[in-house]
Amino acid sequence: MSWFWLILIVTNLFAVSDLIDKFLCEKKFKNTYAFALTNTLLGSIFILALCFLVDYSGASGWPLLIALATGPIYFFMWVFLWKALATQEASRAIAVFNTMPIFNALLAVVFLKEKIASSSWLAIFLIAVGAALCTWERKSKSHFHISYQWVVLAAFLAAIGNVASKQASFYIDSLTLYPLSFFGSFPLYLAVFLKKEIRSEIKTNLKNKKIVATLFVRNLITFIAVCLFYLAIAKGPISLVMAINGTGPLFVFIYATLASLFLPKYIKEDLDSSSLLQKSLAIILIVSGVILIN
């Protein structure tokens, strides 16, 4: 399968995963770190199984260190994104998260020696305007919620992790990067587990069969998406891969709108015409900018 179809599937899978995360972070978990650790406990089932199927022959020296270092990077990326999803609409948060290609492009130039066309400045402008428009909330007194700062920080960390993964993939098999990244983040999860209030919340939620089933499905979707993502960035240029990945806000917007119409008990977003128009315009600008920058 070509990198194009791989990343397109990844984008749709992550859109579904983002909505599940939104539901769990907002309605089922009080502490973001408790959600992160519970996810890891269930997700480790798939990751540990993968450990026996991948090739570790290239995992040595500085490529191994880079692969391990992506673990803490992605750990905080997810935590910051989940913090925002707990309080903000998924369609808005994920759209702002897609300022990531700006950071991807700049880091790829510095570390991967990739080139950016002069039109990139226009792309950066489109993405920035789209992100600003997406964060503008008429119902808020300040019109801007601080949680969007968490999203931008998550986007920056994601860009660092993506470029680092691409660099390591020159020497290490792409699927091997996934468990190595997991092991690199293990000390952080252990530190989180030591907190009594977090252990208590995890224990409570693990007793709920519906929550456990939802988390299992979520982790299965994410596991497949991450594996395909690593394959995509190994097969194709990271700039083009991330260009297709940048259409993610469109799928999140579509799925979130449909969920708000038919499953408002689980996902509820503002569906008045002005909000839909605002988000649509913002997403068009961001997606256009992401495609143009790459």
C-alpha atoms as a PDB file:
ATOM      1  CA  MET A   1       0.000   0.000   0.000  1.00  0.00           C
ATOM      2  CA  SER A   2       1.337   3.461  -0.905  1.00  0.00           C
ATOM      3  CA  TRP A   3       2.097   6.072   1.741  1.00  0.00           C
ATOM      4  CA  PHE A   4      -0.848   8.159   0.452  1.00  0.00           C
ATOM      5  CA  TRP A   5      -3.490   5.561   1.317  1.00  0.00           C
ATOM      6  CA  LEU A   6      -1.735   4.705   4.562  1.00  0.00           C
ATOM      7  CA  ILE A   7      -1.832   8.279   5.860  1.00  0.00           C
ATOM      8  CA  LEU A   8      -5.412   8.784   4.626  1.00  0.00           C
ATOM      9  CA  ILE A   9      -6.544   5.780   6.670  1.00  0.00           C
ATOM     10  CA  VAL A  10      -4.501   7.068   9.613  1.00  0.00           C
ATOM     11  CA  THR A  11      -6.206  10.465   9.407  1.00  0.00           C
ATOM     12  CA  ASN A  12      -9.687   8.944   9.572  1.00  0.00           C
ATOM     13  CA  LEU A  13      -8.763   6.576  12.394  1.00  0.00           C
ATOM     14  CA  PHE A  14      -7.300   9.395  14.466  1.00  0.00           C
ATOM     15  CA  ALA A  15     -10.447  11.476  13.846  1.00  0.00           C
ATOM     16  CA  VAL A  16     -12.553   8.716  15.402  1.00  0.00           C
ATOM     17  CA  SER A  17     -10.025   8.313  18.229  1.00  0.00           C
ATOM     18  CA  ASP A  18     -10.086  12.064  18.915  1.00  0.00           C
ATOM     19  CA  LEU A  19     -13.862  11.997  19.413  1.00  0.00           C
ATOM     20  CA  ILE A  20     -13.593   9.038  21.784  1.00  0.00           C
ATOM     21  CA  ASP A  21     -10.892  10.932  23.694  1.00  0.00           C
ATOM     22  CA  LYS A  22     -13.153  13.968  23.857  1.00  0.00           C
ATOM     23  CA  PHE A  23     -15.970  11.910  25.351  1.00  0.00           C
ATOM     24  CA  LEU A  24     -13.755  10.165  27.920  1.00  0.00           C
ATOM     25  CA  CYS A  25     -11.776  13.254  28.981  1.00  0.00           C
ATOM     26  CA  GLU A  26     -14.891  15.390  29.360  1.00  0.00           C
ATOM     27  CA  LYS A  27     -17.349  12.946  30.879  1.00  0.00           C
ATOM     28  CA  LYS A  28     -15.488  10.016  32.467  1.00  0.00           C
ATOM     29  CA  PHE A  29     -12.092  11.191  33.755  1.00  0.00           C
ATOM     30  CA  LYS A  30     -11.387  14.077  36.121  1.00  0.00           C
ATOM     31  CA  ASN A  31      -7.597  13.938  35.808  1.00  0.00           C
ATOM     32  CA  THR A  32      -5.857  13.962  32.421  1.00  0.00           C
ATOM     33  CA  TYR A  33      -2.903  11.987  33.768  1.00  0.00           C
ATOM     34  CA  ALA A  34      -5.266   9.297  35.038  1.00  0.00           C
ATOM     35  CA  PHE A  35      -6.703   9.033  31.539  1.00  0.00           C
ATOM     36  CA  ALA A  36      -3.190   8.895  30.045  1.00  0.00           C
ATOM     37  CA  LEU A  37      -2.093   6.090  32.361  1.00  0.00           C
ATOM     38  CA  THR A  38      -5.313   4.097  31.949  1.00  0.00           C
ATOM     39  CA  ASN A  39      -4.854   4.351  28.187  1.00  0.00           C
ATOM     40  CA  THR A  40      -1.315   3.078  28.550  1.00  0.00           C
ATOM     41  CA  LEU A  41      -2.345   0.113  30.704  1.00  0.00           C
ATOM     42  CA  LEU A  42      -4.745  -1.086  28.010  1.00  0.00           C
ATOM     43  CA  GLY A  43      -2.651   0.032  25.057  1.00  0.00           C
ATOM     44  CA  SER A  44       0.406  -1.808  26.358  1.00  0.00           C
ATOM     45  CA  ILE A  45      -1.347  -5.066  25.456  1.00  0.00           C
ATOM     46  CA  PHE A  46      -0.984  -4.249  21.759  1.00  0.00           C
ATOM     47  CA  ILE A  47       2.462  -2.686  22.089  1.00  0.00           C
ATOM     48  CA  LEU A  48       3.934  -5.629  24.003  1.00  0.00           C
ATOM     49  CA  ALA A  49       2.540  -8.006  21.369  1.00  0.00           C
ATOM     50  CA  LEU A  50       4.223  -5.902  18.684  1.00  0.00           C
ATOM     51  CA  CYS A  51       7.559  -6.207  20.513  1.00  0.00           C
ATOM     52  CA  PHE A  52       7.826  -9.844  19.423  1.00  0.00           C
ATOM     53  CA  LEU A  53       7.135  -9.070  15.754  1.00  0.00           C
ATOM     54  CA  VAL A  54       9.522  -6.229  14.931  1.00  0.00           C
ATOM     55  CA  ASP A  55      13.188  -6.079  13.938  1.00  0.00           C
ATOM     56  CA  TYR A  56      15.572  -4.484  16.449  1.00  0.00           C
ATOM     57  CA  SER A  57      18.727  -4.936  14.368  1.00  0.00           C
ATOM     58  CA  GLY A  58      19.201  -1.206  13.734  1.00  0.00           C
ATOM     59  CA  ALA A  59      18.294  -0.108  17.262  1.00  0.00           C
ATOM     60  CA  SER A  60      21.630   1.036  18.610  1.00  0.00           C
ATOM     61  CA  GLY A  61      23.657   4.190  19.148  1.00  0.00           C
ATOM     62  CA  TRP A  62      22.141   7.606  18.611  1.00  0.00           C
ATOM     63  CA  PRO A  63      19.175   6.321  16.483  1.00  0.00           C
ATOM     64  CA  LEU A  64      18.093   4.269  19.523  1.00  0.00           C
ATOM     65  CA  LEU A  65      18.432   7.301  21.790  1.00  0.00           C
ATOM     66  CA  ILE A  66      16.328   9.404  19.419  1.00  0.00           C
ATOM     67  CA  ALA A  67      13.655   6.690  19.233  1.00  0.00           C
ATOM     68  CA  LEU A  68      13.515   6.464  23.030  1.00  0.00           C
ATOM     69  CA  ALA A  69      13.415  10.266  23.334  1.00  0.00           C
ATOM     70  CA  THR A  70      10.227  10.455  21.246  1.00  0.00           C
ATOM     71  CA  GLY A  71       8.431   8.704  24.119  1.00  0.00           C
ATOM     72  CA  PRO A  72       8.480  11.659  26.558  1.00  0.00           C
ATOM     73  CA  ILE A  73       7.795  14.048  23.663  1.00  0.00           C
ATOM     74  CA  TYR A  74       4.643  12.228  22.597  1.00  0.00           C
ATOM     75  CA  PHE A  75       3.642  11.692  26.242  1.00  0.00           C
ATOM     76  CA  PHE A  76       3.373  15.417  26.903  1.00  0.00           C
ATOM     77  CA  MET A  77       1.902  16.035  23.458  1.00  0.00           C
ATOM     78  CA  TRP A  78      -1.041  13.762  24.291  1.00  0.00           C
ATOM     79  CA  VAL A  79      -1.448  15.136  27.814  1.00  0.00           C
ATOM     80  CA  PHE A  80      -1.632  18.736  26.562  1.00  0.00           C
ATOM     81  CA  LEU A  81      -4.058  17.815  23.795  1.00  0.00           C
ATOM     82  CA  TRP A  82      -6.290  15.865  26.185  1.00  0.00           C
ATOM     83  CA  LYS A  83      -6.326  18.798  28.603  1.00  0.00           C
ATOM     84  CA  ALA A  84      -7.759  20.949  25.839  1.00  0.00           C
ATOM     85  CA  LEU A  85     -10.258  18.308  24.665  1.00  0.00           C
ATOM     86  CA  ALA A  86     -11.662  18.088  28.193  1.00  0.00           C
ATOM     87  CA  THR A  87     -12.967  21.671  27.951  1.00  0.00           C
ATOM     88  CA  GLN A  88     -13.146  22.597  24.260  1.00  0.00           C
ATOM     89  CA  GLU A  89     -15.041  21.369  21.204  1.00  0.00           C
ATOM     90  CA  ALA A  90     -13.146  18.585  19.462  1.00  0.00           C
ATOM     91  CA  SER A  91     -13.520  20.198  16.038  1.00  0.00           C
ATOM     92  CA  ARG A  92     -11.946  23.454  17.256  1.00  0.00           C
ATOM     93  CA  ALA A  93      -9.143  21.858  19.287  1.00  0.00           C
ATOM     94  CA  ILE A  94      -8.082  19.459  16.535  1.00  0.00           C
ATOM     95  CA  ALA A  95      -8.174  22.263  13.974  1.00  0.00           C
ATOM     96  CA  VAL A  96      -5.793  24.346  16.111  1.00  0.00           C
ATOM     97  CA  PHE A  97      -3.641  21.254  16.650  1.00  0.00           C
ATOM     98  CA  ASN A  98      -3.047  21.275  12.922  1.00  0.00           C
ATOM     99  CA  THR A  99      -0.797  24.290  13.208  1.00  0.00           C
ATOM    100  CA  MET A 100       1.687  21.420  13.564  1.00  0.00           C
ATOM    101  CA  PRO A 101       2.695  21.452   9.846  1.00  0.00           C
ATOM    102  CA  ILE A 102       4.221  24.895  10.345  1.00  0.00           C
ATOM    103  CA  PHE A 103       6.546  23.457  12.971  1.00  0.00           C
ATOM    104  CA  ASN A 104       7.025  20.279  10.912  1.00  0.00           C
ATOM    105  CA  ALA A 105       8.171  22.251   7.893  1.00  0.00           C
ATOM    106  CA  LEU A 106      10.581  24.442   9.839  1.00  0.00           C
ATOM    107  CA  LEU A 107      12.100  21.517  11.738  1.00  0.00           C
ATOM    108  CA  ALA A 108      12.362  19.418   8.553  1.00  0.00           C
ATOM    109  CA  VAL A 109      14.392  22.189   6.942  1.00  0.00           C
ATOM    110  CA  VAL A 110      16.786  22.380   9.893  1.00  0.00           C
ATOM    111  CA  PHE A 111      17.251  18.697  10.699  1.00  0.00           C
ATOM    112  CA  LEU A 112      16.223  16.757   7.572  1.00  0.00           C
ATOM    113  CA  LYS A 113      17.516  19.259   4.999  1.00  0.00           C
ATOM    114  CA  GLU A 114      14.139  19.333   3.234  1.00  0.00           C
ATOM    115  CA  LYS A 115      13.280  22.383   1.146  1.00  0.00           C
ATOM    116  CA  ILE A 116      10.238  24.661   1.452  1.00  0.00           C
ATOM    117  CA  ALA A 117       8.900  26.683  -1.464  1.00  0.00           C
ATOM    118  CA  SER A 118       8.455  30.437  -1.231  1.00  0.00           C
ATOM    119  CA  SER A 119       4.693  29.917  -1.105  1.00  0.00           C
ATOM    120  CA  SER A 120       5.168  28.582   2.415  1.00  0.00           C
ATOM    121  CA  TRP A 121       4.779  32.063   3.885  1.00  0.00           C
ATOM    122  CA  LEU A 122       1.286  32.258   2.400  1.00  0.00           C
ATOM    123  CA  ALA A 123       0.553  28.810   3.813  1.00  0.00           C
ATOM    124  CA  ILE A 124       1.724  29.878   7.271  1.00  0.00           C
ATOM    125  CA  PHE A 125      -0.525  32.930   7.047  1.00  0.00           C
ATOM    126  CA  LEU A 126      -3.550  30.794   6.069  1.00  0.00           C
ATOM    127  CA  ILE A 127      -2.942  28.322   8.891  1.00  0.00           C
ATOM    128  CA  ALA A 128      -2.411  31.092  11.443  1.00  0.00           C
ATOM    129  CA  VAL A 129      -5.579  32.944  10.381  1.00  0.00           C
ATOM    130  CA  GLY A 130      -7.564  29.701  10.391  1.00  0.00           C
ATOM    131  CA  ALA A 131      -6.314  28.780  13.857  1.00  0.00           C
ATOM    132  CA  ALA A 132      -7.085  32.266  15.194  1.00  0.00           C
ATOM    133  CA  LEU A 133     -10.573  32.127  13.698  1.00  0.00           C
ATOM    134  CA  CYS A 134     -11.158  28.695  15.190  1.00  0.00           C
ATOM    135  CA  THR A 135     -10.229  29.862  18.695  1.00  0.00           C
ATOM    136  CA  TRP A 136     -12.532  32.890  18.569  1.00  0.00           C
ATOM    137  CA  GLU A 137     -15.562  32.144  20.754  1.00  0.00           C
ATOM    138  CA  ARG A 138     -18.419  34.617  20.761  1.00  0.00           C
ATOM    139  CA  LYS A 139     -19.873  33.236  23.997  1.00  0.00           C
ATOM    140  CA  SER A 140     -16.651  33.749  25.950  1.00  0.00           C
ATOM    141  CA  LYS A 141     -15.950  37.109  27.596  1.00  0.00           C
ATOM    142  CA  SER A 142     -12.319  37.117  26.493  1.00  0.00           C
ATOM    143  CA  HIS A 143     -13.197  35.396  23.173  1.00  0.00           C
ATOM    144  CA  PHE A 144     -10.127  33.185  23.705  1.00  0.00           C
ATOM    145  CA  HIS A 145      -9.738  30.219  26.038  1.00  0.00           C
ATOM    146  CA  ILE A 146      -6.353  29.466  27.582  1.00  0.00           C
ATOM    147  CA  SER A 147      -6.723  25.786  26.740  1.00  0.00           C
ATOM    148  CA  TYR A 148      -5.847  26.568  23.121  1.00  0.00           C
ATOM    149  CA  GLN A 149      -2.336  27.357  24.329  1.00  0.00           C
ATOM    150  CA  TRP A 150      -2.094  23.722  25.369  1.00  0.00           C
ATOM    151  CA  VAL A 151      -3.091  22.696  21.848  1.00  0.00           C
ATOM    152  CA  VAL A 152      -0.414  24.837  20.187  1.00  0.00           C
ATOM    153  CA  LEU A 153       2.199  23.454  22.570  1.00  0.00           C
ATOM    154  CA  ALA A 154       1.001  19.928  21.758  1.00  0.00           C
ATOM    155  CA  ALA A 155       1.347  20.721  18.047  1.00  0.00           C
ATOM    156  CA  PHE A 156       4.918  21.894  18.546  1.00  0.00           C
ATOM    157  CA  LEU A 157       5.826  18.738  20.474  1.00  0.00           C
ATOM    158  CA  ALA A 158       4.154  16.585  17.811  1.00  0.00           C
ATOM    159  CA  ALA A 159       6.292  18.223  15.139  1.00  0.00           C
ATOM    160  CA  ILE A 160       9.465  17.517  17.124  1.00  0.00           C
ATOM    161  CA  GLY A 161       8.385  13.898  17.628  1.00  0.00           C
ATOM    162  CA  ASN A 162       7.544  13.446  13.937  1.00  0.00           C
ATOM    163  CA  VAL A 163      10.870  14.792  12.710  1.00  0.00           C
ATOM    164  CA  ALA A 164      12.773  12.761  15.304  1.00  0.00           C
ATOM    165  CA  SER A 165      10.880   9.612  14.273  1.00  0.00           C
ATOM    166  CA  LYS A 166      11.670  10.271  10.616  1.00  0.00           C
ATOM    167  CA  GLN A 167      15.363  10.714  11.448  1.00  0.00           C
ATOM    168  CA  ALA A 168      15.427   7.464  13.456  1.00  0.00           C
ATOM    169  CA  SER A 169      13.545   5.589  10.703  1.00  0.00           C
ATOM    170  CA  PHE A 170      16.590   5.923   8.431  1.00  0.00           C
ATOM    171  CA  TYR A 171      18.309   3.341  10.654  1.00  0.00           C
ATOM    172  CA  ILE A 172      15.547   1.566  12.592  1.00  0.00           C
ATOM    173  CA  ASP A 173      12.583  -0.318  11.146  1.00  0.00           C
ATOM    174  CA  SER A 174       9.558   1.968  11.233  1.00  0.00           C
ATOM    175  CA  LEU A 175       7.341  -0.347  13.297  1.00  0.00           C
ATOM    176  CA  THR A 176      10.158  -0.843  15.814  1.00  0.00           C
ATOM    177  CA  LEU A 177       9.944   2.858  16.648  1.00  0.00           C
ATOM    178  CA  TYR A 178       6.525   2.392  18.261  1.00  0.00           C
ATOM    179  CA  PRO A 179       7.546   0.075  21.153  1.00  0.00           C
ATOM    180  CA  LEU A 180      10.834   1.938  21.586  1.00  0.00           C
ATOM    181  CA  SER A 181       8.935   5.195  21.980  1.00  0.00           C
ATOM    182  CA  PHE A 182       6.645   3.486  24.499  1.00  0.00           C
ATOM    183  CA  PHE A 183       9.586   2.245  26.579  1.00  0.00           C
ATOM    184  CA  GLY A 184      11.099   5.733  26.451  1.00  0.00           C
ATOM    185  CA  SER A 185       7.983   7.189  28.063  1.00  0.00           C
ATOM    186  CA  PHE A 186       7.695   4.460  30.714  1.00  0.00           C
ATOM    187  CA  PRO A 187       9.491   6.428  33.501  1.00  0.00           C
ATOM    188  CA  LEU A 188       6.944   9.251  33.146  1.00  0.00           C
ATOM    189  CA  TYR A 189       4.004   6.867  33.444  1.00  0.00           C
ATOM    190  CA  LEU A 190       5.630   5.307  36.494  1.00  0.00           C
ATOM    191  CA  ALA A 191       5.973   8.743  38.109  1.00  0.00           C
ATOM    192  CA  VAL A 192       2.295   9.430  37.429  1.00  0.00           C
ATOM    193  CA  PHE A 193       1.286   6.074  38.905  1.00  0.00           C
ATOM    194  CA  LEU A 194       2.943   6.946  42.217  1.00  0.00           C
ATOM    195  CA  LYS A 195       0.300   9.601  42.930  1.00  0.00           C
ATOM    196  CA  LYS A 196      -2.444   8.198  45.157  1.00  0.00           C
ATOM    197  CA  GLU A 197      -5.334  10.259  43.717  1.00  0.00           C
ATOM    198  CA  ILE A 198      -4.475   9.138  40.197  1.00  0.00           C
ATOM    199  CA  ARG A 199      -4.301   5.468  41.209  1.00  0.00           C
ATOM    200  CA  SER A 200      -7.677   5.845  42.906  1.00  0.00           C
ATOM    201  CA  GLU A 201      -9.334   7.275  39.795  1.00  0.00           C
ATOM    202  CA  ILE A 202      -7.787   4.607  37.586  1.00  0.00           C
ATOM    203  CA  LYS A 203      -9.049   1.862  39.885  1.00  0.00           C
ATOM    204  CA  THR A 204     -12.569   3.318  39.885  1.00  0.00           C
ATOM    205  CA  ASN A 205     -12.752   3.559  36.088  1.00  0.00           C
ATOM    206  CA  LEU A 206     -11.301   0.112  35.506  1.00  0.00           C
ATOM    207  CA  LYS A 207     -14.257  -1.314  37.466  1.00  0.00           C
ATOM    208  CA  ASN A 208     -16.629   0.187  34.897  1.00  0.00           C
ATOM    209  CA  LYS A 209     -16.998  -2.369  32.085  1.00  0.00           C
ATOM    210  CA  LYS A 210     -18.328   0.184  29.586  1.00  0.00           C
ATOM    211  CA  ILE A 211     -15.380   2.488  30.130  1.00  0.00           C
ATOM    212  CA  VAL A 212     -12.937  -0.410  29.826  1.00  0.00           C
ATOM    213  CA  ALA A 213     -14.601  -1.578  26.592  1.00  0.00           C
ATOM    214  CA  THR A 214     -14.525   1.960  25.175  1.00  0.00           C
ATOM    215  CA  LEU A 215     -10.854   2.356  26.098  1.00  0.00           C
ATOM    216  CA  PHE A 216     -10.049  -1.019  24.535  1.00  0.00           C
ATOM    217  CA  VAL A 217     -11.676  -0.023  21.242  1.00  0.00           C
ATOM    218  CA  ARG A 218      -9.993   3.383  21.394  1.00  0.00           C
ATOM    219  CA  ASN A 219      -6.571   1.807  21.936  1.00  0.00           C
ATOM    220  CA  LEU A 220      -7.101  -0.718  19.164  1.00  0.00           C
ATOM    221  CA  ILE A 221      -7.966   2.102  16.747  1.00  0.00           C
ATOM    222  CA  THR A 222      -4.991   4.172  17.902  1.00  0.00           C
ATOM    223  CA  PHE A 223      -2.618   1.190  17.749  1.00  0.00           C
ATOM    224  CA  ILE A 224      -3.541   0.509  14.127  1.00  0.00           C
ATOM    225  CA  ALA A 225      -3.335   4.223  13.295  1.00  0.00           C
ATOM    226  CA  VAL A 226       0.103   4.673  14.882  1.00  0.00           C
ATOM    227  CA  CYS A 227       1.521   1.582  13.150  1.00  0.00           C
ATOM    228  CA  LEU A 228       0.265   2.819   9.791  1.00  0.00           C
ATOM    229  CA  PHE A 229       1.570   6.314  10.595  1.00  0.00           C
ATOM    230  CA  TYR A 230       5.102   5.014  11.174  1.00  0.00           C
ATOM    231  CA  LEU A 231       4.895   3.081   7.899  1.00  0.00           C
ATOM    232  CA  ALA A 232       3.684   6.199   6.078  1.00  0.00           C
ATOM    233  CA  ILE A 233       6.480   8.480   7.295  1.00  0.00           C
ATOM    234  CA  ALA A 234       9.017   5.772   6.461  1.00  0.00           C
ATOM    235  CA  LYS A 235       7.694   5.335   2.902  1.00  0.00           C
ATOM    236  CA  GLY A 236       7.015   8.940   1.971  1.00  0.00           C
ATOM    237  CA  PRO A 237       8.502  12.423   2.486  1.00  0.00           C
ATOM    238  CA  ILE A 238       7.383  13.751   5.852  1.00  0.00           C
ATOM    239  CA  SER A 239       6.189  17.037   4.332  1.00  0.00           C
ATOM    240  CA  LEU A 240       3.760  15.297   1.955  1.00  0.00           C
ATOM    241  CA  VAL A 241       2.703  12.734   4.542  1.00  0.00           C
ATOM    242  CA  MET A 242       1.862  15.514   6.975  1.00  0.00           C
ATOM    243  CA  ALA A 243       0.048  17.417   4.217  1.00  0.00           C
ATOM    244  CA  ILE A 244      -2.467  14.587   3.890  1.00  0.00           C
ATOM    245  CA  ASN A 245      -2.535  14.198   7.653  1.00  0.00           C
ATOM    246  CA  GLY A 246      -3.429  17.885   7.822  1.00  0.00           C
ATOM    247  CA  THR A 247      -6.903  17.123   6.460  1.00  0.00           C
ATOM    248  CA  GLY A 248      -7.683  15.616   9.866  1.00  0.00           C
ATOM    249  CA  PRO A 249      -9.681  18.632  11.119  1.00  0.00           C
ATOM    250  CA  LEU A 250     -12.082  18.186   8.216  1.00  0.00           C
ATOM    251  CA  PHE A 251     -12.899  14.611   9.227  1.00  0.00           C
ATOM    252  CA  VAL A 252     -13.136  15.531  12.920  1.00  0.00           C
ATOM    253  CA  PHE A 253     -15.510  18.385  12.038  1.00  0.00           C
ATOM    254  CA  ILE A 254     -17.707  16.087   9.930  1.00  0.00           C
ATOM    255  CA  TYR A 255     -17.785  13.283  12.500  1.00  0.00           C
ATOM    256  CA  ALA A 256     -18.290  15.681  15.442  1.00  0.00           C
ATOM    257  CA  THR A 257     -21.181  17.397  13.666  1.00  0.00           C
ATOM    258  CA  LEU A 258     -22.836  14.065  12.852  1.00  0.00           C
ATOM    259  CA  ALA A 259     -22.313  12.871  16.431  1.00  0.00           C
ATOM    260  CA  SER A 260     -23.836  16.100  17.783  1.00  0.00           C
ATOM    261  CA  LEU A 261     -26.889  15.529  15.601  1.00  0.00           C
ATOM    262  CA  PHE A 262     -27.440  11.834  16.259  1.00  0.00           C
ATOM    263  CA  LEU A 263     -25.492  11.107  19.484  1.00  0.00           C
ATOM    264  CA  PRO A 264     -25.684  14.328  21.522  1.00  0.00           C
ATOM    265  CA  LYS A 265     -25.433  12.338  24.744  1.00  0.00           C
ATOM    266  CA  TYR A 266     -21.803  11.546  23.922  1.00  0.00           C
ATOM    267  CA  ILE A 267     -20.584  14.435  21.760  1.00  0.00           C
ATOM    268  CA  LYS A 268     -22.233  17.841  21.822  1.00  0.00           C
ATOM    269  CA  GLU A 269     -20.991  20.812  19.800  1.00  0.00           C
ATOM    270  CA  ASP A 270     -22.516  24.143  18.879  1.00  0.00           C
ATOM    271  CA  LEU A 271     -24.544  23.599  15.715  1.00  0.00           C
ATOM    272  CA  ASP A 272     -25.962  27.070  15.091  1.00  0.00           C
ATOM    273  CA  SER A 273     -25.347  28.378  11.584  1.00  0.00           C
ATOM    274  CA  SER A 274     -22.821  31.077  12.552  1.00  0.00           C
ATOM    275  CA  SER A 275     -20.642  28.617  14.504  1.00  0.00           C
ATOM    276  CA  LEU A 276     -20.742  26.048  11.723  1.00  0.00           C
ATOM    277  CA  LEU A 277     -19.811  28.720   9.183  1.00  0.00           C
ATOM    278  CA  GLN A 278     -16.964  29.982  11.369  1.00  0.00           C
ATOM    279  CA  LYS A 279     -15.520  26.520  11.931  1.00  0.00           C
ATOM    280  CA  SER A 280     -15.952  25.574   8.273  1.00  0.00           C
ATOM    281  CA  LEU A 281     -14.078  28.666   7.101  1.00  0.00           C
ATOM    282  CA  ALA A 282     -11.332  28.151   9.689  1.00  0.00           C
ATOM    283  CA  ILE A 283     -10.869  24.511   8.698  1.00  0.00           C
ATOM    284  CA  ILE A 284     -10.784  25.396   4.990  1.00  0.00           C
ATOM    285  CA  LEU A 285      -8.026  27.940   5.678  1.00  0.00           C
ATOM    286  CA  ILE A 286      -6.030  25.520   7.818  1.00  0.00           C
ATOM    287  CA  VAL A 287      -6.332  22.566   5.434  1.00  0.00           C
ATOM    288  CA  SER A 288      -5.495  24.807   2.452  1.00  0.00           C
ATOM    289  CA  GLY A 289      -2.463  26.121   4.291  1.00  0.00           C
ATOM    290  CA  VAL A 290      -1.314  22.627   5.250  1.00  0.00           C
ATOM    291  CA  ILE A 291      -1.541  21.439   1.643  1.00  0.00           C
ATOM    292  CA  LEU A 292       0.204  24.560   0.353  1.00  0.00           C
ATOM    293  CA  ILE A 293       3.051  24.487   2.862  1.00  0.00           C
ATOM    294  CA  ASN A 294       3.918  20.979   1.740  1.00  0.00           C
END
